[in-house]
Protein backbone atom coordinates (compact mmCIF):
# COMPACT_ATOMS: atom_id res chain seq x y z
CA MET A 1 232.13 40.18 67.05
CA PHE A 2 232.88 43.51 68.24
CA LYS A 3 231.36 46.92 68.70
CA ARG A 4 232.20 50.21 67.50
CA GLU A 5 230.27 53.73 68.07
CA ILE A 6 228.08 54.83 64.92
CA GLY A 7 226.42 58.31 65.66
CA LEU A 8 224.85 57.87 69.33
CA TYR A 9 224.58 54.17 68.94
CA SER A 10 226.69 51.24 69.80
CA TYR A 11 225.84 48.27 67.16
CA PRO A 12 227.49 44.74 67.10
CA TYR A 13 229.25 44.19 63.83
CA LEU A 14 227.84 41.11 62.41
CA SER A 15 229.55 40.43 59.22
CA LEU A 16 231.15 42.51 56.07
CA ASN A 17 229.82 42.23 52.33
CA TYR A 18 231.30 43.66 49.45
CA GLY A 19 229.56 44.42 46.15
CA MET A 20 225.92 45.50 47.20
CA ASP A 21 224.19 48.18 45.77
CA ARG A 22 225.01 50.99 48.05
CA HIS A 23 221.13 52.05 48.35
CA THR A 24 220.04 48.93 49.91
CA MET A 25 218.91 48.70 53.32
CA ARG A 26 216.46 46.08 54.44
CA CYS A 27 215.54 44.80 57.72
CA PHE A 28 215.62 40.80 58.47
CA ASN A 29 214.97 39.66 62.16
CA ASN A 30 216.24 42.55 63.86
CA ILE A 31 219.45 42.86 61.46
CA MET A 32 219.65 46.20 59.50
CA ILE A 33 221.57 45.99 56.39
CA LEU A 34 223.26 49.11 56.13
CA PRO A 35 225.76 50.51 53.25
CA PHE A 36 228.64 52.49 54.41
CA ARG A 37 230.66 53.97 51.27
CA ASN A 38 231.64 50.74 49.63
CA VAL A 39 231.28 48.01 52.36
CA VAL A 40 227.71 46.83 53.19
CA LEU A 41 227.43 46.27 57.07
CA LEU A 42 224.96 44.06 58.69
CA LEU A 43 223.92 45.67 62.22
CA SER A 44 221.85 44.83 65.10
CA ILE A 45 219.15 47.43 65.27
CA ALA A 46 218.52 46.24 68.59
CA GLY A 47 215.07 48.68 68.16
CA ILE A 48 216.98 51.88 67.46
CA LEU A 49 215.19 52.67 64.05
CA SER A 50 212.31 49.95 64.33
CA SER A 51 211.06 50.11 67.97
CA GLN A 52 208.94 46.80 68.76
CA SER A 53 207.29 49.05 71.80
CA ALA A 54 203.48 49.37 71.90
CA ASP A 55 203.59 53.22 71.86
CA ALA A 56 205.95 53.50 69.01
CA TYR A 57 204.44 54.69 65.52
CA CYS A 58 206.22 53.67 62.45
CA LEU A 59 206.39 54.82 58.88
CA ASP A 60 207.49 52.90 55.99
CA LEU A 61 209.57 55.56 53.84
CA HIS A 62 211.14 54.94 50.45
CA ILE A 63 214.31 56.52 49.28
CA GLY A 64 213.96 60.20 48.10
CA ALA A 65 210.83 62.04 48.68
CA ASN A 66 207.94 60.81 50.64
CA LEU A 67 204.69 62.64 51.11
CA VAL A 68 203.33 62.00 54.84
CA SER A 69 201.24 63.14 58.03
CA PHE A 70 201.01 61.91 61.26
CA TYR A 71 198.08 60.70 63.18
CA ARG A 72 200.31 59.65 66.32
CA LEU A 73 202.61 62.14 67.71
CA PRO A 74 204.64 62.52 70.94
CA GLU A 75 204.07 65.49 73.66
CA ASP A 76 207.49 67.00 72.23
CA ILE A 77 206.50 67.57 68.56
CA SER A 78 210.02 69.52 67.87
CA ILE A 79 211.34 68.02 64.78
CA ASP A 80 214.60 67.35 66.92
CA HIS A 81 212.78 65.09 69.24
CA VAL A 82 210.26 63.69 66.29
CA PHE A 83 213.20 62.69 64.46
CA SER A 84 215.81 61.66 67.04
CA LEU A 85 216.23 58.26 66.05
CA SER A 86 216.58 59.08 62.06
CA ASN A 87 220.15 59.39 62.96
CA GLY A 88 220.73 61.54 59.86
CA ILE A 89 219.11 59.15 57.42
CA ILE A 90 216.18 61.84 57.11
CA THR A 91 217.92 64.62 55.35
CA GLY A 92 215.02 67.00 54.86
CA ILE A 93 211.68 68.01 55.55
CA ILE A 94 209.31 70.38 53.40
CA GLY A 95 205.87 71.57 54.73
CA GLU A 96 203.65 74.52 53.44
CA GLY A 97 205.56 77.36 53.22
CA VAL A 98 208.34 75.76 55.47
CA ALA A 99 211.33 73.47 55.57
CA ALA A 100 214.25 72.35 57.46
CA SER A 101 217.42 70.72 56.53
CA TYR A 102 219.54 68.40 58.80
CA ILE A 103 223.09 69.08 59.02
CA PRO A 104 225.47 66.36 60.47
CA GLU A 105 227.09 67.82 63.75
CA VAL A 106 224.72 70.76 63.75
CA GLY A 107 221.24 69.55 63.72
CA TRP A 108 218.02 70.62 62.11
CA VAL A 109 218.03 73.97 60.67
CA GLY A 110 215.45 76.04 58.86
CA SER A 111 211.73 77.63 59.18
CA LEU A 112 210.25 74.42 59.97
CA GLU A 113 210.59 73.45 63.99
CA TYR A 114 207.45 71.64 64.83
CA ILE A 115 205.53 68.73 63.24
CA ARG A 116 201.58 69.43 63.58
CA ALA A 117 198.77 66.54 63.15
CA GLU A 118 196.79 68.92 60.77
CA ASP A 119 199.70 69.14 58.13
CA GLY A 120 201.30 67.20 55.64
CA TYR A 121 205.17 67.07 55.03
CA TRP A 122 207.68 66.08 52.15
CA LEU A 123 210.25 63.77 53.94
CA GLU A 124 213.45 63.03 52.08
CA SER A 125 215.20 59.84 52.88
CA SER A 126 218.77 58.54 51.98
CA TYR A 127 217.59 55.15 52.56
CA PRO A 128 214.28 52.94 52.65
CA ILE A 129 213.89 52.58 55.99
CA ASN A 130 211.11 51.79 58.56
CA LEU A 131 211.19 54.80 60.74
CA CYS A 132 209.41 54.69 64.16
CA ILE A 133 208.62 57.54 66.60
CA PRO A 134 208.49 56.51 70.36
CA ASN A 135 206.10 57.78 72.89
CA ALA A 136 203.63 58.76 70.10
CA VAL A 137 199.93 58.81 71.02
CA PRO A 138 196.98 59.41 68.63
CA THR A 139 196.20 63.02 67.83
CA GLY A 140 192.58 62.53 67.46
CA THR A 141 190.21 61.81 64.35
CA GLU A 142 188.75 65.20 65.08
CA VAL A 143 191.28 67.23 63.62
CA ARG A 144 189.64 70.28 62.44
CA TYR A 145 191.17 72.03 59.15
CA THR A 146 191.27 75.58 57.97
CA LEU A 147 191.96 75.76 54.37
CA HIS A 148 192.83 78.76 52.53
CA GLU A 149 192.02 79.66 49.14
CA GLY A 150 194.69 77.85 46.56
CA SER A 151 196.66 74.90 47.76
CA ASN A 152 196.91 73.29 51.08
CA LEU A 153 199.33 70.32 52.14
CA ILE A 154 197.38 68.61 55.08
CA SER A 155 196.94 65.41 56.76
CA TYR A 156 194.82 62.31 56.86
CA PRO A 157 194.15 61.81 60.77
CA ARG A 158 193.08 58.09 60.88
CA ARG A 159 194.89 54.77 60.64
CA ASP A 160 192.32 53.23 58.47
CA SER A 161 191.98 54.28 54.59
CA GLN A 162 188.57 55.94 53.52
CA SER A 163 187.41 56.70 50.28
CA LEU A 164 187.01 60.35 49.15
CA GLU A 165 183.18 60.15 49.10
CA ASP A 166 183.04 58.86 52.54
CA ALA A 167 185.46 60.79 54.15
CA LEU A 168 184.82 64.38 52.73
CA PRO A 169 181.78 66.26 53.68
CA SER A 170 179.07 66.40 51.74
CA GLY A 171 179.17 69.54 49.69
CA ILE A 172 182.58 70.12 49.89
CA GLU A 173 183.45 69.43 46.54
CA ASP A 174 182.07 72.55 45.17
CA ASN A 175 184.77 74.11 46.92
CA ILE A 176 187.68 71.42 45.89
CA SER A 177 188.97 71.63 42.32
CA GLY A 178 191.72 68.97 43.15
CA ILE A 179 193.43 66.38 45.50
CA ILE A 180 196.98 65.44 45.00
CA GLY A 181 198.81 62.54 46.94
CA GLU A 182 202.31 61.15 46.05
CA GLY A 183 202.15 59.72 42.56
CA VAL A 184 198.16 60.12 42.55
CA ALA A 185 195.62 62.53 41.99
CA ALA A 186 191.75 63.02 41.83
CA GLN A 187 189.40 65.96 40.47
CA TYR A 188 185.82 66.05 40.97
CA ILE A 189 183.41 66.34 38.06
CA GLU A 190 179.66 67.51 38.33
CA ASN A 191 177.25 64.72 37.95
CA ILE A 192 180.10 62.16 37.83
CA GLY A 193 182.01 62.22 40.77
CA TRP A 194 185.59 61.65 41.88
CA MET A 195 187.74 60.86 39.12
CA GLY A 196 191.47 59.85 38.81
CA SER A 197 193.82 57.53 40.23
CA LEU A 198 193.49 58.70 43.77
CA THR A 199 190.37 56.97 45.20
CA HIS A 200 191.16 56.58 48.94
CA PHE A 201 192.60 58.70 51.79
CA GLU A 202 195.18 56.52 53.80
CA GLY A 203 197.02 56.78 57.19
CA SER A 204 200.12 58.42 57.43
CA LYS A 205 199.75 59.94 53.92
CA GLY A 206 199.81 63.51 52.92
CA TYR A 207 197.60 65.55 50.45
CA TRP A 208 197.63 68.80 48.48
CA ILE A 209 194.14 70.02 48.45
CA ARG A 210 193.36 73.06 46.24
CA THR A 211 190.50 74.85 46.90
CA ASN A 212 188.52 77.70 45.51
CA GLU A 213 187.88 79.62 48.55
CA SER A 214 188.78 79.42 52.20
CA ILE A 215 186.86 76.61 53.90
CA THR A 216 186.98 74.81 57.51
CA PHE A 217 186.11 70.93 57.82
CA THR A 218 186.83 67.74 59.22
CA PHE A 219 186.84 64.34 57.78
CA ASN A 220 183.83 62.25 58.39
CA SER A 221 183.77 59.58 60.97
CA HIS A 222 184.04 55.93 59.46
């Protein structure tokens, strides 16, 4: 085996394979299959992208746009720090009214500078990865949300999933005209309840909530 510098890290090359799909990226026994142009490299990730430390918080991302939120964050919530281990695989982040793009050899540029516990985000990933954030601590389940009239991109502040009926305060459905997740949605119908493909809020997911007036709330406890 020999070593070569890739980005900020040094990985041992374990083998080379040709002819694989360039979008394939998987982890097996701490070995990462990483496409590189027309060559697929098998690299020992040694905890770089998939940290096994107890304080690491990880998100499974598919290729393309992922609607996410963060119920654990490090003390430094700048996007430079939060995504310091992505090594250019995360190419763009979009929040409500803000965005940032990653430019190689430059870094993050745009109006989005910090990741906040109460907000949801679209992450654009070049490959399917298990992205880990080191030194992340729980943000707390009593996150307070102040929503304006219209569409709000927010987080869900817990690890465990919770049904819409159980998670939302009683009576708030009068002020919410719809909830949209990644590929799912729900609408409240009077005398029937929540209807649609979205039935539960899930940890690490982001949601668009559309309101007919300004409201403030916290998610119910389990």
